[in-house]
């Protein structure tokens, strides 16, 4: 994660991320909790693993788009890295928090990041505005105003699918091409080509 932050070339964004990394209570939870209870990345540290995967996939996607500015690309990578940070308020190591039983994690993303976003707002308002939008945008809101928002959504889905695949095939020999996975109450079949 530190390497990803150090690779940022937009100074206000790098400062913002260094503030996030320096927020000990936030980071303590972020690096230790799972990304979900029984679904993808459902192990201690799973949220960090999922977030880094999303950032790497987003990085690969947006860097192939020549019409997207470096500023927008870097904001997208940061948004991908922090898209699930609200889970620190809704998930514990083993179960949902009392607040997590009441509200979805997306409701907490901006409040968790508020002190750091306020600093970014002072030094780079447009970056603050775009990051806030990307952290809030969901496909149910309609078309994303920034093409990079689609890259973040796809990265999230790919990371989730890859995690489920790892879970499904973790105890299967190499020659198995399909596996059944129990996710909560639902059985899912996953396939692979070897």
N, C-alpha and C. Protein backbone atom coordinates (compact mmCIF):
# COMPACT_ATOMS: atom_id res chain seq x y z
N UNK A 1 0.83 -1.19 0.00
CA UNK A 1 0.00 0.00 0.00
C UNK A 1 0.88 1.25 0.00
N UNK A 2 1.95 1.20 0.76
CA UNK A 2 2.89 2.33 0.80
C UNK A 2 3.51 2.55 -0.57
N UNK A 3 3.82 1.44 -1.25
CA UNK A 3 4.39 1.54 -2.60
C UNK A 3 3.40 2.21 -3.56
N UNK A 4 2.14 1.85 -3.45
CA UNK A 4 1.11 2.47 -4.31
C UNK A 4 1.02 3.96 -4.05
N UNK A 5 1.08 4.36 -2.79
CA UNK A 5 1.01 5.78 -2.43
C UNK A 5 2.24 6.51 -2.93
N UNK A 6 3.41 5.92 -2.77
CA UNK A 6 4.65 6.57 -3.22
C UNK A 6 4.72 6.71 -4.73
N UNK A 7 3.97 5.87 -5.46
CA UNK A 7 3.98 5.97 -6.92
C UNK A 7 3.09 7.10 -7.45
N UNK A 8 2.28 7.70 -6.59
CA UNK A 8 1.41 8.80 -7.02
C UNK A 8 2.25 10.02 -7.38
N UNK A 9 1.92 10.68 -8.50
CA UNK A 9 2.66 11.87 -8.91
C UNK A 9 1.92 13.16 -8.60
N UNK A 10 0.63 13.07 -8.28
CA UNK A 10 -0.17 14.26 -7.96
C UNK A 10 0.05 14.57 -6.48
N UNK A 11 0.78 15.64 -6.20
CA UNK A 11 1.21 15.96 -4.83
C UNK A 11 0.07 16.02 -3.80
N UNK A 12 -1.03 16.74 -4.07
CA UNK A 12 -2.10 16.79 -3.06
C UNK A 12 -2.72 15.42 -2.78
N UNK A 13 -2.79 14.59 -3.80
CA UNK A 13 -3.35 13.24 -3.64
C UNK A 13 -2.40 12.36 -2.82
N UNK A 14 -1.12 12.51 -3.08
CA UNK A 14 -0.12 11.76 -2.31
C UNK A 14 -0.16 12.19 -0.84
N UNK A 15 -0.29 13.48 -0.59
CA UNK A 15 -0.40 13.99 0.79
C UNK A 15 -1.65 13.44 1.46
N UNK A 16 -2.77 13.45 0.74
CA UNK A 16 -4.02 12.89 1.25
C UNK A 16 -3.82 11.44 1.67
N UNK A 17 -3.23 10.64 0.80
CA UNK A 17 -3.05 9.22 1.10
C UNK A 17 -2.06 9.00 2.25
N UNK A 18 -1.06 9.85 2.35
CA UNK A 18 -0.14 9.73 3.49
C UNK A 18 -0.86 10.04 4.80
N UNK A 19 -1.81 10.98 4.77
CA UNK A 19 -2.62 11.26 5.97
C UNK A 19 -3.48 10.05 6.32
N UNK A 20 -4.07 9.42 5.31
CA UNK A 20 -4.88 8.23 5.55
C UNK A 20 -4.01 7.13 6.16
N UNK A 21 -2.83 6.91 5.59
CA UNK A 21 -1.92 5.88 6.11
C UNK A 21 -1.46 6.18 7.53
N UNK A 22 -1.39 7.44 7.89
CA UNK A 22 -0.95 7.85 9.23
C UNK A 22 -2.07 7.80 10.26
N UNK A 23 -3.30 7.58 9.82
CA UNK A 23 -4.45 7.50 10.72
C UNK A 23 -4.46 6.09 11.35
N UNK A 24 -3.83 5.97 12.51
CA UNK A 24 -3.60 4.66 13.13
C UNK A 24 -4.90 3.88 13.39
N UNK A 25 -5.93 4.49 14.01
CA UNK A 25 -7.15 3.70 14.23
C UNK A 25 -7.78 3.21 12.93
N UNK A 26 -7.81 4.06 11.91
CA UNK A 26 -8.37 3.68 10.62
C UNK A 26 -7.56 2.52 10.03
N UNK A 27 -6.24 2.69 9.97
CA UNK A 27 -5.40 1.68 9.33
C UNK A 27 -5.36 0.37 10.11
N UNK A 28 -5.44 0.45 11.43
CA UNK A 28 -5.43 -0.77 12.24
C UNK A 28 -6.60 -1.67 11.85
N UNK A 29 -7.77 -1.07 11.69
CA UNK A 29 -8.94 -1.84 11.25
C UNK A 29 -8.83 -2.24 9.79
N UNK A 30 -8.41 -1.31 8.95
CA UNK A 30 -8.36 -1.54 7.50
C UNK A 30 -7.47 -2.73 7.14
N UNK A 31 -6.36 -2.88 7.83
CA UNK A 31 -5.43 -3.97 7.49
C UNK A 31 -5.77 -5.28 8.18
N UNK A 32 -6.68 -5.27 9.14
CA UNK A 32 -6.92 -6.50 9.91
C UNK A 32 -8.27 -7.18 9.64
N UNK A 33 -9.29 -6.43 9.25
CA UNK A 33 -10.61 -7.06 9.11
C UNK A 33 -10.77 -7.74 7.75
N UNK A 34 -11.71 -8.68 7.65
CA UNK A 34 -12.01 -9.29 6.35
C UNK A 34 -12.80 -8.31 5.48
N UNK A 35 -12.88 -8.62 4.20
CA UNK A 35 -13.70 -7.80 3.30
C UNK A 35 -15.17 -8.18 3.40
N UNK A 36 -15.44 -9.38 3.89
CA UNK A 36 -16.82 -9.84 4.10
C UNK A 36 -16.80 -10.96 5.14
N UNK A 37 -17.98 -11.31 5.62
CA UNK A 37 -18.07 -12.37 6.62
C UNK A 37 -17.92 -13.76 6.00
N UNK A 38 -18.65 -14.02 4.93
CA UNK A 38 -18.64 -15.36 4.34
C UNK A 38 -18.51 -15.34 2.82
N UNK A 39 -18.30 -14.20 2.25
CA UNK A 39 -18.26 -14.09 0.80
C UNK A 39 -16.80 -13.97 0.37
N UNK A 40 -16.45 -12.96 -0.36
CA UNK A 40 -15.08 -12.81 -0.88
C UNK A 40 -14.12 -12.29 0.18
N UNK A 41 -12.86 -12.69 0.08
CA UNK A 41 -11.81 -12.20 0.97
C UNK A 41 -12.25 -12.24 2.44
N UNK A 42 -12.84 -13.36 2.83
CA UNK A 42 -13.42 -13.49 4.17
C UNK A 42 -12.41 -14.06 5.17
N UNK A 43 -11.29 -13.38 5.29
CA UNK A 43 -10.23 -13.78 6.21
C UNK A 43 -9.61 -12.51 6.80
N UNK A 44 -8.97 -12.61 7.96
CA UNK A 44 -8.33 -11.40 8.52
C UNK A 44 -7.35 -10.81 7.51
N UNK A 45 -7.43 -9.51 7.30
CA UNK A 45 -6.61 -8.84 6.30
C UNK A 45 -7.22 -8.86 4.91
N UNK A 46 -8.39 -9.47 4.79
CA UNK A 46 -9.05 -9.59 3.49
C UNK A 46 -9.44 -8.25 2.88
N UNK A 47 -9.80 -7.28 3.72
CA UNK A 47 -10.16 -5.96 3.19
C UNK A 47 -8.96 -5.31 2.52
N UNK A 48 -7.81 -5.40 3.14
CA UNK A 48 -6.59 -4.85 2.55
C UNK A 48 -6.27 -5.58 1.24
N UNK A 49 -6.32 -6.90 1.26
CA UNK A 49 -6.03 -7.68 0.06
C UNK A 49 -6.96 -7.31 -1.09
N UNK A 50 -8.25 -7.26 -0.81
CA UNK A 50 -9.24 -6.89 -1.83
C UNK A 50 -9.00 -5.47 -2.35
N UNK A 51 -8.73 -4.55 -1.45
CA UNK A 51 -8.51 -3.15 -1.83
C UNK A 51 -7.29 -2.99 -2.72
N UNK A 52 -6.22 -3.70 -2.39
CA UNK A 52 -5.01 -3.64 -3.21
C UNK A 52 -5.25 -4.26 -4.59
N UNK A 53 -5.97 -5.39 -4.63
CA UNK A 53 -6.31 -5.99 -5.92
C UNK A 53 -7.12 -5.02 -6.77
N UNK A 54 -8.09 -4.37 -6.17
CA UNK A 54 -8.92 -3.40 -6.90
C UNK A 54 -8.07 -2.26 -7.44
N UNK A 55 -7.16 -1.77 -6.63
CA UNK A 55 -6.29 -0.68 -7.07
C UNK A 55 -5.39 -1.12 -8.23
N UNK A 56 -4.84 -2.33 -8.15
CA UNK A 56 -3.97 -2.84 -9.22
C UNK A 56 -4.74 -3.06 -10.52
N UNK A 57 -5.93 -3.63 -10.42
CA UNK A 57 -6.75 -3.86 -11.61
C UNK A 57 -7.18 -2.52 -12.22
N UNK A 58 -7.58 -1.58 -11.37
CA UNK A 58 -7.96 -0.25 -11.85
C UNK A 58 -6.77 0.43 -12.52
N UNK A 59 -5.60 0.34 -11.91
CA UNK A 59 -4.38 0.92 -12.47
C UNK A 59 -4.15 0.39 -13.89
N UNK A 60 -4.23 -0.92 -14.06
CA UNK A 60 -4.03 -1.52 -15.39
C UNK A 60 -5.06 -1.02 -16.38
N UNK A 61 -6.30 -0.95 -15.96
CA UNK A 61 -7.38 -0.52 -16.86
C UNK A 61 -7.23 0.94 -17.28
N UNK A 62 -7.08 1.83 -16.32
CA UNK A 62 -7.08 3.26 -16.65
C UNK A 62 -5.81 3.68 -17.38
N UNK A 63 -4.71 2.98 -17.15
CA UNK A 63 -3.47 3.35 -17.84
C UNK A 63 -3.53 3.03 -19.33
N UNK A 64 -4.47 2.19 -19.74
CA UNK A 64 -4.62 1.90 -21.17
C UNK A 64 -5.50 2.92 -21.88
N UNK A 65 -6.07 3.86 -21.14
CA UNK A 65 -6.95 4.88 -21.72
C UNK A 65 -6.17 6.17 -21.96
N UNK A 66 -5.81 6.44 -23.21
CA UNK A 66 -4.98 7.61 -23.50
C UNK A 66 -5.72 8.93 -23.32
N UNK A 67 -7.05 8.90 -23.40
CA UNK A 67 -7.81 10.14 -23.28
C UNK A 67 -8.10 10.54 -21.84
N UNK A 68 -7.64 9.75 -20.88
CA UNK A 68 -7.86 10.06 -19.46
C UNK A 68 -6.58 10.68 -18.91
N UNK A 69 -6.72 11.81 -18.23
CA UNK A 69 -5.56 12.52 -17.68
C UNK A 69 -4.89 11.73 -16.56
N UNK A 70 -3.64 12.05 -16.30
CA UNK A 70 -2.91 11.42 -15.19
C UNK A 70 -3.61 11.72 -13.86
N UNK A 71 -4.12 12.94 -13.71
CA UNK A 71 -4.84 13.30 -12.48
C UNK A 71 -6.04 12.37 -12.26
N UNK A 72 -6.83 12.18 -13.31
CA UNK A 72 -8.02 11.33 -13.18
C UNK A 72 -7.64 9.87 -12.92
N UNK A 73 -6.58 9.41 -13.59
CA UNK A 73 -6.11 8.03 -13.38
C UNK A 73 -5.73 7.81 -11.92
N UNK A 74 -4.99 8.75 -11.36
CA UNK A 74 -4.53 8.59 -9.98
C UNK A 74 -5.67 8.70 -8.97
N UNK A 75 -6.62 9.57 -9.23
CA UNK A 75 -7.80 9.65 -8.35
C UNK A 75 -8.56 8.32 -8.41
N UNK A 76 -8.64 7.72 -9.58
CA UNK A 76 -9.32 6.43 -9.72
C UNK A 76 -8.63 5.34 -8.91
N UNK A 77 -7.32 5.32 -8.94
CA UNK A 77 -6.56 4.31 -8.19
C UNK A 77 -6.80 4.48 -6.69
N UNK A 78 -6.79 5.72 -6.23
CA UNK A 78 -7.05 6.00 -4.81
C UNK A 78 -8.48 5.62 -4.45
N UNK A 79 -9.43 5.94 -5.32
CA UNK A 79 -10.83 5.58 -5.06
C UNK A 79 -10.99 4.06 -4.99
N UNK A 80 -10.30 3.34 -5.87
CA UNK A 80 -10.37 1.88 -5.84
C UNK A 80 -9.79 1.34 -4.53
N UNK A 81 -8.70 1.93 -4.11
CA UNK A 81 -8.05 1.50 -2.87
C UNK A 81 -8.94 1.74 -1.65
N UNK A 82 -9.73 2.80 -1.68
CA UNK A 82 -10.53 3.18 -0.51
C UNK A 82 -12.03 2.91 -0.66
N UNK A 83 -12.44 2.26 -1.73
CA UNK A 83 -13.88 2.12 -2.01
C UNK A 83 -14.65 1.39 -0.92
N UNK A 84 -14.00 0.53 -0.17
CA UNK A 84 -14.67 -0.24 0.89
C UNK A 84 -14.25 0.17 2.30
N UNK A 85 -13.60 1.32 2.45
CA UNK A 85 -13.08 1.73 3.75
C UNK A 85 -14.18 1.86 4.80
N UNK A 86 -15.40 2.10 4.38
CA UNK A 86 -16.53 2.18 5.31
C UNK A 86 -16.77 0.89 6.07
N UNK A 87 -16.21 -0.21 5.57
CA UNK A 87 -16.36 -1.50 6.26
C UNK A 87 -15.69 -1.51 7.63
N UNK A 88 -14.78 -0.58 7.87
CA UNK A 88 -14.16 -0.56 9.20
C UNK A 88 -15.18 -0.20 10.27
N UNK A 89 -16.31 0.38 9.86
CA UNK A 89 -17.39 0.70 10.80
C UNK A 89 -18.45 -0.39 10.86
N UNK A 90 -18.46 -1.29 9.89
CA UNK A 90 -19.55 -2.28 9.82
C UNK A 90 -19.11 -3.72 10.05
N UNK A 91 -17.82 -3.99 9.93
CA UNK A 91 -17.33 -5.36 10.11
C UNK A 91 -16.29 -5.42 11.22
N UNK A 92 -16.41 -6.44 12.05
CA UNK A 92 -15.36 -6.75 13.00
C UNK A 92 -14.58 -7.93 12.45
N UNK A 93 -13.71 -8.50 13.26
CA UNK A 93 -12.93 -9.64 12.79
C UNK A 93 -13.80 -10.85 12.49
N UNK A 94 -14.90 -11.03 13.22
CA UNK A 94 -15.72 -12.23 13.07
C UNK A 94 -17.15 -11.95 12.61
N UNK A 95 -17.68 -10.79 12.92
CA UNK A 95 -19.09 -10.52 12.62
C UNK A 95 -19.32 -9.04 12.36
N UNK A 96 -20.53 -8.73 11.94
CA UNK A 96 -20.89 -7.33 11.73
C UNK A 96 -20.93 -6.60 13.07
N UNK A 97 -20.58 -5.33 13.05
CA UNK A 97 -20.72 -4.49 14.24
C UNK A 97 -22.20 -4.18 14.42
N UNK A 98 -22.55 -3.58 15.54
CA UNK A 98 -23.95 -3.21 15.74
C UNK A 98 -24.39 -2.22 14.67
N UNK A 99 -23.51 -1.30 14.28
CA UNK A 99 -23.84 -0.35 13.22
C UNK A 99 -23.94 -1.06 11.87
N UNK A 100 -23.12 -2.08 11.68
CA UNK A 100 -23.15 -2.85 10.44
C UNK A 100 -24.43 -3.65 10.27
N UNK A 101 -25.11 -3.89 11.37
CA UNK A 101 -26.40 -4.58 11.30
C UNK A 101 -27.52 -3.61 10.92
N UNK A 102 -27.24 -2.32 11.03
CA UNK A 102 -28.24 -1.29 10.73
C UNK A 102 -28.06 -0.67 9.35
N UNK A 103 -26.81 -0.41 8.97
CA UNK A 103 -26.53 0.32 7.73
C UNK A 103 -25.45 -0.37 6.91
N UNK A 104 -25.50 -0.14 5.60
CA UNK A 104 -24.52 -0.68 4.69
C UNK A 104 -23.21 0.11 4.79
N UNK A 105 -22.10 -0.55 4.49
CA UNK A 105 -20.78 0.08 4.64
C UNK A 105 -20.59 1.33 3.80
N UNK A 106 -21.25 1.40 2.64
CA UNK A 106 -21.10 2.58 1.78
C UNK A 106 -21.51 3.87 2.47
N UNK A 107 -22.42 3.75 3.42
CA UNK A 107 -22.90 4.93 4.15
C UNK A 107 -21.79 5.56 5.01
N UNK A 108 -20.73 4.82 5.28
CA UNK A 108 -19.68 5.29 6.19
C UNK A 108 -18.40 5.73 5.49
N UNK A 109 -18.27 5.46 4.21
CA UNK A 109 -17.02 5.75 3.51
C UNK A 109 -16.59 7.21 3.68
N UNK A 110 -17.48 8.13 3.40
CA UNK A 110 -17.11 9.55 3.47
C UNK A 110 -16.88 10.01 4.91
N UNK A 111 -17.64 9.49 5.86
CA UNK A 111 -17.43 9.93 7.25
C UNK A 111 -16.10 9.41 7.79
N UNK A 112 -15.72 8.20 7.42
CA UNK A 112 -14.42 7.65 7.84
C UNK A 112 -13.28 8.50 7.29
N UNK A 113 -13.43 8.94 6.06
CA UNK A 113 -12.37 9.71 5.39
C UNK A 113 -12.51 11.22 5.56
N UNK A 114 -13.56 11.68 6.23
CA UNK A 114 -13.88 13.12 6.31
C UNK A 114 -12.71 14.02 6.68
N UNK A 115 -11.96 13.75 7.76
CA UNK A 115 -10.88 14.68 8.10
C UNK A 115 -9.83 14.78 7.00
N UNK A 116 -9.57 13.68 6.33
CA UNK A 116 -8.55 13.66 5.27
C UNK A 116 -9.09 14.29 3.99
N UNK A 117 -10.35 14.02 3.68
CA UNK A 117 -10.98 14.65 2.51
C UNK A 117 -11.04 16.17 2.68
N UNK A 118 -11.29 16.64 3.90
CA UNK A 118 -11.33 18.09 4.15
C UNK A 118 -9.97 18.73 3.88
N UNK A 119 -8.90 18.04 4.19
CA UNK A 119 -7.56 18.56 3.88
C UNK A 119 -7.31 18.57 2.37
N UNK A 120 -7.71 17.50 1.69
CA UNK A 120 -7.56 17.45 0.23
C UNK A 120 -8.35 18.58 -0.41
N UNK A 121 -9.53 18.84 0.12
CA UNK A 121 -10.41 19.90 -0.39
C UNK A 121 -9.72 21.26 -0.35
N UNK A 122 -8.92 21.52 0.68
CA UNK A 122 -8.22 22.80 0.82
C UNK A 122 -7.16 23.00 -0.26
N UNK A 123 -6.51 21.91 -0.66
CA UNK A 123 -5.36 22.02 -1.56
C UNK A 123 -5.65 21.63 -3.01
N UNK A 124 -6.70 20.85 -3.22
CA UNK A 124 -7.03 20.43 -4.58
C UNK A 124 -8.52 20.13 -4.64
N UNK A 125 -9.30 21.19 -4.79
CA UNK A 125 -10.76 21.06 -4.72
C UNK A 125 -11.30 20.11 -5.78
N UNK A 126 -10.82 20.25 -7.01
CA UNK A 126 -11.34 19.40 -8.09
C UNK A 126 -11.04 17.93 -7.81
N UNK A 127 -9.86 17.63 -7.32
CA UNK A 127 -9.53 16.25 -6.97
C UNK A 127 -10.41 15.72 -5.86
N UNK A 128 -10.67 16.57 -4.87
CA UNK A 128 -11.58 16.23 -3.77
C UNK A 128 -12.96 15.91 -4.32
N UNK A 129 -13.43 16.75 -5.22
CA UNK A 129 -14.76 16.60 -5.80
C UNK A 129 -14.89 15.27 -6.57
N UNK A 130 -13.89 14.97 -7.39
CA UNK A 130 -13.94 13.74 -8.20
C UNK A 130 -13.80 12.51 -7.30
N UNK A 131 -12.89 12.56 -6.34
CA UNK A 131 -12.73 11.42 -5.42
C UNK A 131 -14.01 11.17 -4.64
N UNK A 132 -14.63 12.22 -4.14
CA UNK A 132 -15.89 12.09 -3.40
C UNK A 132 -16.97 11.46 -4.28
N UNK A 133 -17.05 11.92 -5.53
CA UNK A 133 -18.03 11.37 -6.47
C UNK A 133 -17.76 9.88 -6.69
N UNK A 134 -16.50 9.53 -6.99
CA UNK A 134 -16.17 8.13 -7.28
C UNK A 134 -16.40 7.22 -6.07
N UNK A 135 -16.15 7.72 -4.88
CA UNK A 135 -16.38 6.92 -3.67
C UNK A 135 -17.87 6.72 -3.41
N UNK A 136 -18.71 7.60 -3.93
CA UNK A 136 -20.16 7.52 -3.75
C UNK A 136 -20.89 6.82 -4.88
N UNK A 137 -20.34 6.87 -6.09
CA UNK A 137 -21.07 6.38 -7.25
C UNK A 137 -21.31 4.87 -7.19
N UNK A 138 -22.54 4.50 -7.53
CA UNK A 138 -22.93 3.09 -7.69
C UNK A 138 -23.69 2.99 -9.00
N UNK A 139 -23.64 1.83 -9.62
CA UNK A 139 -24.32 1.67 -10.92
C UNK A 139 -25.82 1.92 -10.82
N UNK A 140 -26.40 1.75 -9.65
CA UNK A 140 -27.83 2.04 -9.48
C UNK A 140 -28.15 3.53 -9.64
N UNK A 141 -27.10 4.38 -9.59
CA UNK A 141 -27.28 5.83 -9.76
C UNK A 141 -27.31 6.23 -11.23
N UNK A 142 -27.10 5.26 -12.13
CA UNK A 142 -27.07 5.56 -13.55
C UNK A 142 -25.64 5.65 -14.06
N UNK A 143 -25.50 6.20 -15.24
CA UNK A 143 -24.21 6.27 -15.92
C UNK A 143 -23.19 7.07 -15.10
N UNK A 144 -21.99 6.53 -14.95
CA UNK A 144 -20.93 7.24 -14.21
C UNK A 144 -20.40 8.40 -15.06
N UNK A 145 -20.27 9.56 -14.47
CA UNK A 145 -19.81 10.74 -15.20
C UNK A 145 -18.32 10.67 -15.54
N UNK A 146 -17.60 9.80 -14.87
CA UNK A 146 -16.16 9.61 -15.14
C UNK A 146 -15.96 8.17 -15.60
N UNK A 147 -15.31 8.00 -16.75
CA UNK A 147 -15.09 6.66 -17.30
C UNK A 147 -14.34 5.77 -16.30
N UNK A 148 -13.50 6.35 -15.48
CA UNK A 148 -12.71 5.56 -14.53
C UNK A 148 -13.59 4.92 -13.46
N UNK A 149 -14.78 5.46 -13.24
CA UNK A 149 -15.70 4.84 -12.28
C UNK A 149 -16.09 3.44 -12.70
N UNK A 150 -16.22 3.24 -14.01
CA UNK A 150 -16.52 1.91 -14.54
C UNK A 150 -15.36 0.96 -14.31
N UNK A 151 -14.14 1.46 -14.43
CA UNK A 151 -12.96 0.63 -14.18
C UNK A 151 -12.92 0.17 -12.72
N UNK A 152 -13.28 1.05 -11.81
CA UNK A 152 -13.31 0.70 -10.38
C UNK A 152 -14.36 -0.38 -10.12
N UNK A 153 -15.54 -0.21 -10.70
CA UNK A 153 -16.62 -1.19 -10.52
C UNK A 153 -16.21 -2.55 -11.06
N UNK A 154 -15.62 -2.57 -12.25
CA UNK A 154 -15.18 -3.82 -12.85
C UNK A 154 -14.06 -4.45 -12.02
N UNK A 155 -13.14 -3.63 -11.52
CA UNK A 155 -12.05 -4.14 -10.68
C UNK A 155 -12.61 -4.79 -9.42
N UNK A 156 -13.61 -4.17 -8.82
CA UNK A 156 -14.26 -4.72 -7.63
C UNK A 156 -14.87 -6.08 -7.94
N UNK A 157 -15.56 -6.17 -9.06
CA UNK A 157 -16.18 -7.43 -9.46
C UNK A 157 -15.14 -8.50 -9.78
N UNK A 158 -14.05 -8.12 -10.45
CA UNK A 158 -13.01 -9.08 -10.79
C UNK A 158 -12.30 -9.60 -9.54
N UNK A 159 -11.98 -8.72 -8.63
CA UNK A 159 -11.33 -9.13 -7.39
C UNK A 159 -12.24 -10.07 -6.59
N UNK A 160 -13.51 -9.75 -6.53
CA UNK A 160 -14.48 -10.60 -5.83
C UNK A 160 -14.56 -11.97 -6.49
N UNK A 161 -14.67 -12.00 -7.81
CA UNK A 161 -14.75 -13.26 -8.54
C UNK A 161 -13.50 -14.10 -8.35
N UNK A 162 -12.34 -13.46 -8.40
CA UNK A 162 -11.08 -14.18 -8.22
C UNK A 162 -10.99 -14.78 -6.83
N UNK A 163 -11.45 -14.05 -5.83
CA UNK A 163 -11.44 -14.56 -4.46
C UNK A 163 -12.36 -15.77 -4.33
N UNK A 164 -13.55 -15.68 -4.90
CA UNK A 164 -14.49 -16.81 -4.85
C UNK A 164 -13.91 -18.02 -5.57
N UNK A 165 -13.23 -17.78 -6.67
CA UNK A 165 -12.60 -18.88 -7.41
C UNK A 165 -11.50 -19.53 -6.57
N UNK A 166 -10.67 -18.71 -5.92
CA UNK A 166 -9.63 -19.28 -5.05
C UNK A 166 -10.26 -20.13 -3.96
N UNK A 167 -11.35 -19.64 -3.37
CA UNK A 167 -12.04 -20.39 -2.32
C UNK A 167 -12.58 -21.71 -2.88
N UNK A 168 -13.18 -21.66 -4.05
CA UNK A 168 -13.82 -22.84 -4.63
C UNK A 168 -12.82 -23.93 -5.00
N UNK A 169 -11.64 -23.54 -5.45
CA UNK A 169 -10.67 -24.52 -5.93
C UNK A 169 -9.52 -24.77 -4.95
N UNK A 170 -9.56 -24.19 -3.78
CA UNK A 170 -8.44 -24.30 -2.84
C UNK A 170 -8.13 -25.75 -2.45
N UNK A 171 -9.13 -26.60 -2.41
CA UNK A 171 -8.90 -28.00 -2.01
C UNK A 171 -9.11 -28.98 -3.17
N UNK A 172 -9.08 -28.48 -4.39
CA UNK A 172 -9.32 -29.32 -5.57
C UNK A 172 -8.02 -29.56 -6.32
N UNK A 173 -7.88 -30.76 -6.90
CA UNK A 173 -6.69 -31.02 -7.72
C UNK A 173 -6.72 -30.18 -9.00
N UNK A 174 -5.58 -30.04 -9.61
CA UNK A 174 -5.40 -29.19 -10.79
C UNK A 174 -6.33 -29.58 -11.95
N UNK A 175 -6.66 -30.86 -12.07
CA UNK A 175 -7.47 -31.30 -13.21
C UNK A 175 -8.96 -31.00 -13.04
N UNK A 176 -9.40 -30.54 -11.88
CA UNK A 176 -10.81 -30.17 -11.71
C UNK A 176 -11.09 -28.89 -12.49
N UNK A 177 -12.15 -28.92 -13.28
CA UNK A 177 -12.51 -27.76 -14.10
C UNK A 177 -13.70 -26.99 -13.55
N UNK A 178 -14.42 -27.57 -12.60
CA UNK A 178 -15.53 -26.86 -11.98
C UNK A 178 -15.58 -27.22 -10.50
N UNK A 179 -16.20 -26.35 -9.76
CA UNK A 179 -16.33 -26.56 -8.32
C UNK A 179 -17.59 -25.87 -7.83
N UNK A 180 -18.15 -26.41 -6.77
CA UNK A 180 -19.34 -25.83 -6.15
C UNK A 180 -18.89 -25.11 -4.88
N UNK A 181 -19.41 -23.92 -4.69
CA UNK A 181 -19.06 -23.11 -3.52
C UNK A 181 -20.33 -22.68 -2.82
N UNK A 182 -20.37 -22.87 -1.51
CA UNK A 182 -21.50 -22.42 -0.70
C UNK A 182 -21.17 -21.01 -0.20
N UNK A 183 -21.95 -20.02 -0.63
CA UNK A 183 -21.77 -18.64 -0.20
C UNK A 183 -23.04 -18.23 0.52
N UNK A 184 -22.99 -18.23 1.85
CA UNK A 184 -24.19 -17.98 2.63
C UNK A 184 -25.19 -19.08 2.39
N UNK A 185 -26.38 -18.75 1.94
CA UNK A 185 -27.43 -19.73 1.64
C UNK A 185 -27.40 -20.19 0.18
N UNK A 186 -26.51 -19.62 -0.61
CA UNK A 186 -26.52 -19.85 -2.05
C UNK A 186 -25.36 -20.75 -2.48
N UNK A 187 -25.68 -21.72 -3.34
CA UNK A 187 -24.64 -22.54 -3.96
C UNK A 187 -24.29 -21.93 -5.31
N UNK A 188 -23.01 -21.80 -5.56
CA UNK A 188 -22.53 -21.22 -6.81
C UNK A 188 -21.57 -22.20 -7.46
N UNK A 189 -21.68 -22.36 -8.77
CA UNK A 189 -20.73 -23.19 -9.51
C UNK A 189 -19.74 -22.27 -10.20
N UNK A 190 -18.48 -22.62 -10.09
CA UNK A 190 -17.42 -21.86 -10.74
C UNK A 190 -16.60 -22.80 -11.61
N UNK A 191 -16.11 -22.28 -12.72
CA UNK A 191 -15.34 -23.08 -13.67
C UNK A 191 -13.98 -22.45 -13.91
N UNK A 192 -13.07 -23.27 -14.41
CA UNK A 192 -11.74 -22.78 -14.81
C UNK A 192 -11.25 -23.62 -15.97
N UNK A 193 -10.33 -23.08 -16.71
CA UNK A 193 -9.71 -23.77 -17.83
C UNK A 193 -8.23 -23.93 -17.51
N UNK A 194 -7.78 -25.16 -17.43
CA UNK A 194 -6.35 -25.42 -17.14
C UNK A 194 -5.63 -25.81 -18.40
